[in-house]
Amino acid sequence: MHRDRGSVTLEAALVLPLLLLVGAILLWAMGVAFTALAMGDAVRTSARLIARGEPADAVMAQLQESLPDSELVLEPRDVDIMIRAERFVSLPIPAFGGIGFTVMQSASAPLESVE
């Protein structure tokens, strides 16, 4: 009966760091997902504005301000316009800064003719 004494404390000491790690990874994954959603909204809005006739330089400058760490590419085509954004999201641990995901979003919008 006395052999089980302290086993709950030991199990909690072993499991609690693992649960904290899983929780931190889930929070980081949600941050990556929210980053992707925000990038997609910004890219779609910018493509729509350029397709409607707004100055591309001004729209791209505003997009760069809203997505500061992203690489942006504007591709005008014959009938539409496409904007692509890429951003590397690394782990928030300095020792593992090179590990992460590249989030890519792109959007195209048909050019509207102004008559």
C-alpha atoms as a PDB file:
ATOM      1  CA  MET A   1       0.000   0.000   0.000  1.00  0.00           C
ATOM      2  CA  HIS A   2       2.881   2.387   0.697  1.00  0.00           C
ATOM      3  CA  ARG A   3       4.503   1.628  -2.686  1.00  0.00           C
ATOM      4  CA  ASP A   4       2.008   3.862  -4.506  1.00  0.00           C
ATOM      5  CA  ARG A   5       2.818   6.853  -2.353  1.00  0.00           C
ATOM      6  CA  GLY A   6       4.043   9.759  -4.525  1.00  0.00           C
ATOM      7  CA  SER A   7       3.212   8.115  -7.847  1.00  0.00           C
ATOM      8  CA  VAL A   8       0.616  10.754  -8.725  1.00  0.00           C
ATOM      9  CA  THR A   9       3.178  13.496  -8.127  1.00  0.00           C
ATOM     10  CA  LEU A  10       5.692  11.728 -10.355  1.00  0.00           C
ATOM     11  CA  GLU A  11       3.153  11.177 -13.126  1.00  0.00           C
ATOM     12  CA  ALA A  12       2.065  14.818 -12.991  1.00  0.00           C
ATOM     13  CA  ALA A  13       5.690  15.949 -13.099  1.00  0.00           C
ATOM     14  CA  LEU A  14       6.259  13.874 -16.228  1.00  0.00           C
ATOM     15  CA  VAL A  15       3.012  14.691 -18.048  1.00  0.00           C
ATOM     16  CA  LEU A  16       2.621  18.397 -17.256  1.00  0.00           C
ATOM     17  CA  PRO A  17       5.565  19.593 -19.440  1.00  0.00           C
ATOM     18  CA  LEU A  18       4.266  17.474 -22.304  1.00  0.00           C
ATOM     19  CA  LEU A  19       0.801  19.008 -21.996  1.00  0.00           C
ATOM     20  CA  LEU A  20       2.320  22.502 -21.930  1.00  0.00           C
ATOM     21  CA  LEU A  21       4.339  21.712 -25.062  1.00  0.00           C
ATOM     22  CA  VAL A  22       1.262  20.443 -26.901  1.00  0.00           C
ATOM     23  CA  GLY A  23      -0.662  23.552 -25.851  1.00  0.00           C
ATOM     24  CA  ALA A  24       2.123  25.845 -27.054  1.00  0.00           C
ATOM     25  CA  ILE A  25       2.285  24.038 -30.402  1.00  0.00           C
ATOM     26  CA  LEU A  26      -1.479  24.384 -30.829  1.00  0.00           C
ATOM     27  CA  LEU A  27      -1.312  28.114 -30.081  1.00  0.00           C
ATOM     28  CA  TRP A  28       1.524  28.536 -32.601  1.00  0.00           C
ATOM     29  CA  ALA A  29      -0.443  26.588 -35.239  1.00  0.00           C
ATOM     30  CA  MET A  30      -3.445  28.857 -34.661  1.00  0.00           C
ATOM     31  CA  GLY A  31      -1.154  31.856 -35.134  1.00  0.00           C
ATOM     32  CA  VAL A  32       0.029  30.430 -38.468  1.00  0.00           C
ATOM     33  CA  ALA A  33      -3.577  29.895 -39.542  1.00  0.00           C
ATOM     34  CA  PHE A  34      -4.565  33.447 -38.575  1.00  0.00           C
ATOM     35  CA  THR A  35      -1.536  34.772 -40.473  1.00  0.00           C
ATOM     36  CA  ALA A  36      -2.653  32.883 -43.578  1.00  0.00           C
ATOM     37  CA  LEU A  37      -6.195  34.229 -43.281  1.00  0.00           C
ATOM     38  CA  ALA A  38      -5.004  37.813 -42.836  1.00  0.00           C
ATOM     39  CA  MET A  39      -2.629  37.505 -45.785  1.00  0.00           C
ATOM     40  CA  GLY A  40      -5.380  36.103 -47.989  1.00  0.00           C
ATOM     41  CA  ASP A  41      -7.772  38.929 -47.150  1.00  0.00           C
ATOM     42  CA  ALA A  42      -5.135  41.608 -47.752  1.00  0.00           C
ATOM     43  CA  VAL A  43      -4.017  40.096 -51.071  1.00  0.00           C
ATOM     44  CA  ARG A  44      -7.590  39.696 -52.365  1.00  0.00           C
ATOM     45  CA  THR A  45      -8.502  43.259 -51.425  1.00  0.00           C
ATOM     46  CA  SER A  46      -5.374  44.641 -53.072  1.00  0.00           C
ATOM     47  CA  ALA A  47      -5.924  42.670 -56.281  1.00  0.00           C
ATOM     48  CA  ARG A  48      -9.499  43.922 -56.436  1.00  0.00           C
ATOM     49  CA  LEU A  49      -8.410  47.546 -55.940  1.00  0.00           C
ATOM     50  CA  ILE A  50      -5.789  47.357 -58.698  1.00  0.00           C
ATOM     51  CA  ALA A  51      -8.252  45.652 -61.048  1.00  0.00           C
ATOM     52  CA  ARG A  52     -10.715  48.519 -60.464  1.00  0.00           C
ATOM     53  CA  GLY A  53      -8.129  51.067 -61.544  1.00  0.00           C
ATOM     54  CA  GLU A  54      -6.366  52.192 -58.359  1.00  0.00           C
ATOM     55  CA  PRO A  55      -2.663  53.024 -58.821  1.00  0.00           C
ATOM     56  CA  ALA A  56      -0.709  49.786 -58.447  1.00  0.00           C
ATOM     57  CA  ASP A  57       2.255  51.457 -56.725  1.00  0.00           C
ATOM     58  CA  ALA A  58       0.086  52.952 -53.984  1.00  0.00           C
ATOM     59  CA  VAL A  59      -1.844  49.727 -53.418  1.00  0.00           C
ATOM     60  CA  MET A  60       1.333  47.630 -53.275  1.00  0.00           C
ATOM     61  CA  ALA A  61       2.929  50.093 -50.832  1.00  0.00           C
ATOM     62  CA  GLN A  62      -0.108  49.850 -48.576  1.00  0.00           C
ATOM     63  CA  LEU A  63      -0.042  46.050 -48.872  1.00  0.00           C
ATOM     64  CA  GLN A  64       3.641  46.007 -47.921  1.00  0.00           C
ATOM     65  CA  GLU A  65       2.816  48.080 -44.833  1.00  0.00           C
ATOM     66  CA  SER A  66       0.084  45.657 -43.792  1.00  0.00           C
ATOM     67  CA  LEU A  67       2.289  42.594 -44.468  1.00  0.00           C
ATOM     68  CA  PRO A  68       5.748  43.871 -43.437  1.00  0.00           C
ATOM     69  CA  ASP A  69       7.687  40.584 -43.445  1.00  0.00           C
ATOM     70  CA  SER A  70       6.196  39.253 -46.659  1.00  0.00           C
ATOM     71  CA  GLU A  71       7.577  38.978 -50.156  1.00  0.00           C
ATOM     72  CA  LEU A  72       5.057  40.424 -52.613  1.00  0.00           C
ATOM     73  CA  VAL A  73       4.835  39.836 -56.361  1.00  0.00           C
ATOM     74  CA  LEU A  74       2.489  41.706 -58.714  1.00  0.00           C
ATOM     75  CA  GLU A  75       1.830  40.015 -62.064  1.00  0.00           C
ATOM     76  CA  PRO A  76      -0.263  42.019 -64.522  1.00  0.00           C
ATOM     77  CA  ARG A  77      -1.716  39.872 -67.296  1.00  0.00           C
ATOM     78  CA  ASP A  78      -3.850  40.561 -70.354  1.00  0.00           C
ATOM     79  CA  VAL A  79      -7.272  40.048 -68.781  1.00  0.00           C
ATOM     80  CA  ASP A  80      -6.533  39.932 -65.060  1.00  0.00           C
ATOM     81  CA  ILE A  81      -4.034  40.797 -62.368  1.00  0.00           C
ATOM     82  CA  MET A  82      -2.460  38.484 -59.826  1.00  0.00           C
ATOM     83  CA  ILE A  83      -0.776  39.257 -56.509  1.00  0.00           C
ATOM     84  CA  ARG A  84       1.226  36.645 -54.617  1.00  0.00           C
ATOM     85  CA  ALA A  85       2.478  36.978 -51.034  1.00  0.00           C
ATOM     86  CA  GLU A  86       4.890  34.678 -49.192  1.00  0.00           C
ATOM     87  CA  ARG A  87       5.922  34.816 -45.553  1.00  0.00           C
ATOM     88  CA  PHE A  88       8.058  32.484 -43.466  1.00  0.00           C
ATOM     89  CA  VAL A  89       6.603  31.829 -40.018  1.00  0.00           C
ATOM     90  CA  SER A  90       9.192  30.276 -37.712  1.00  0.00           C
ATOM     91  CA  LEU A  91       8.875  28.712 -34.307  1.00  0.00           C
ATOM     92  CA  PRO A  92       8.908  31.319 -31.524  1.00  0.00           C
ATOM     93  CA  ILE A  93      11.876  29.590 -29.884  1.00  0.00           C
ATOM     94  CA  PRO A  94      15.201  31.305 -30.750  1.00  0.00           C
ATOM     95  CA  ALA A  95      17.142  28.029 -30.869  1.00  0.00           C
ATOM     96  CA  PHE A  96      14.717  26.688 -33.513  1.00  0.00           C
ATOM     97  CA  GLY A  97      14.332  29.894 -35.548  1.00  0.00           C
ATOM     98  CA  GLY A  98      14.993  28.146 -38.863  1.00  0.00           C
ATOM     99  CA  ILE A  99      12.133  25.687 -38.385  1.00  0.00           C
ATOM    100  CA  GLY A 100       8.714  26.763 -39.573  1.00  0.00           C
ATOM    101  CA  PHE A 101       6.364  27.103 -42.519  1.00  0.00           C
ATOM    102  CA  THR A 102       6.192  29.314 -45.569  1.00  0.00           C
ATOM    103  CA  VAL A 103       2.684  30.702 -45.846  1.00  0.00           C
ATOM    104  CA  MET A 104       1.723  31.558 -49.425  1.00  0.00           C
ATOM    105  CA  GLN A 105      -1.410  33.331 -50.572  1.00  0.00           C
ATOM    106  CA  SER A 106      -2.346  34.524 -54.025  1.00  0.00           C
ATOM    107  CA  ALA A 107      -5.326  36.240 -55.568  1.00  0.00           C
ATOM    108  CA  SER A 108      -6.335  37.322 -59.018  1.00  0.00           C
ATOM    109  CA  ALA A 109      -9.003  39.707 -60.178  1.00  0.00           C
ATOM    110  CA  PRO A 110     -10.284  40.408 -63.679  1.00  0.00           C
ATOM    111  CA  LEU A 111      -9.415  43.850 -64.983  1.00  0.00           C
ATOM    112  CA  GLU A 112     -12.417  46.119 -65.141  1.00  0.00           C
ATOM    113  CA  SER A 113     -12.716  48.360 -68.154  1.00  0.00           C
ATOM    114  CA  VAL A 114     -13.518  51.986 -67.428  1.00  0.00           C
ATOM    115  CA  GLU A 115     -15.598  53.486 -70.209  1.00  0.00           C
END
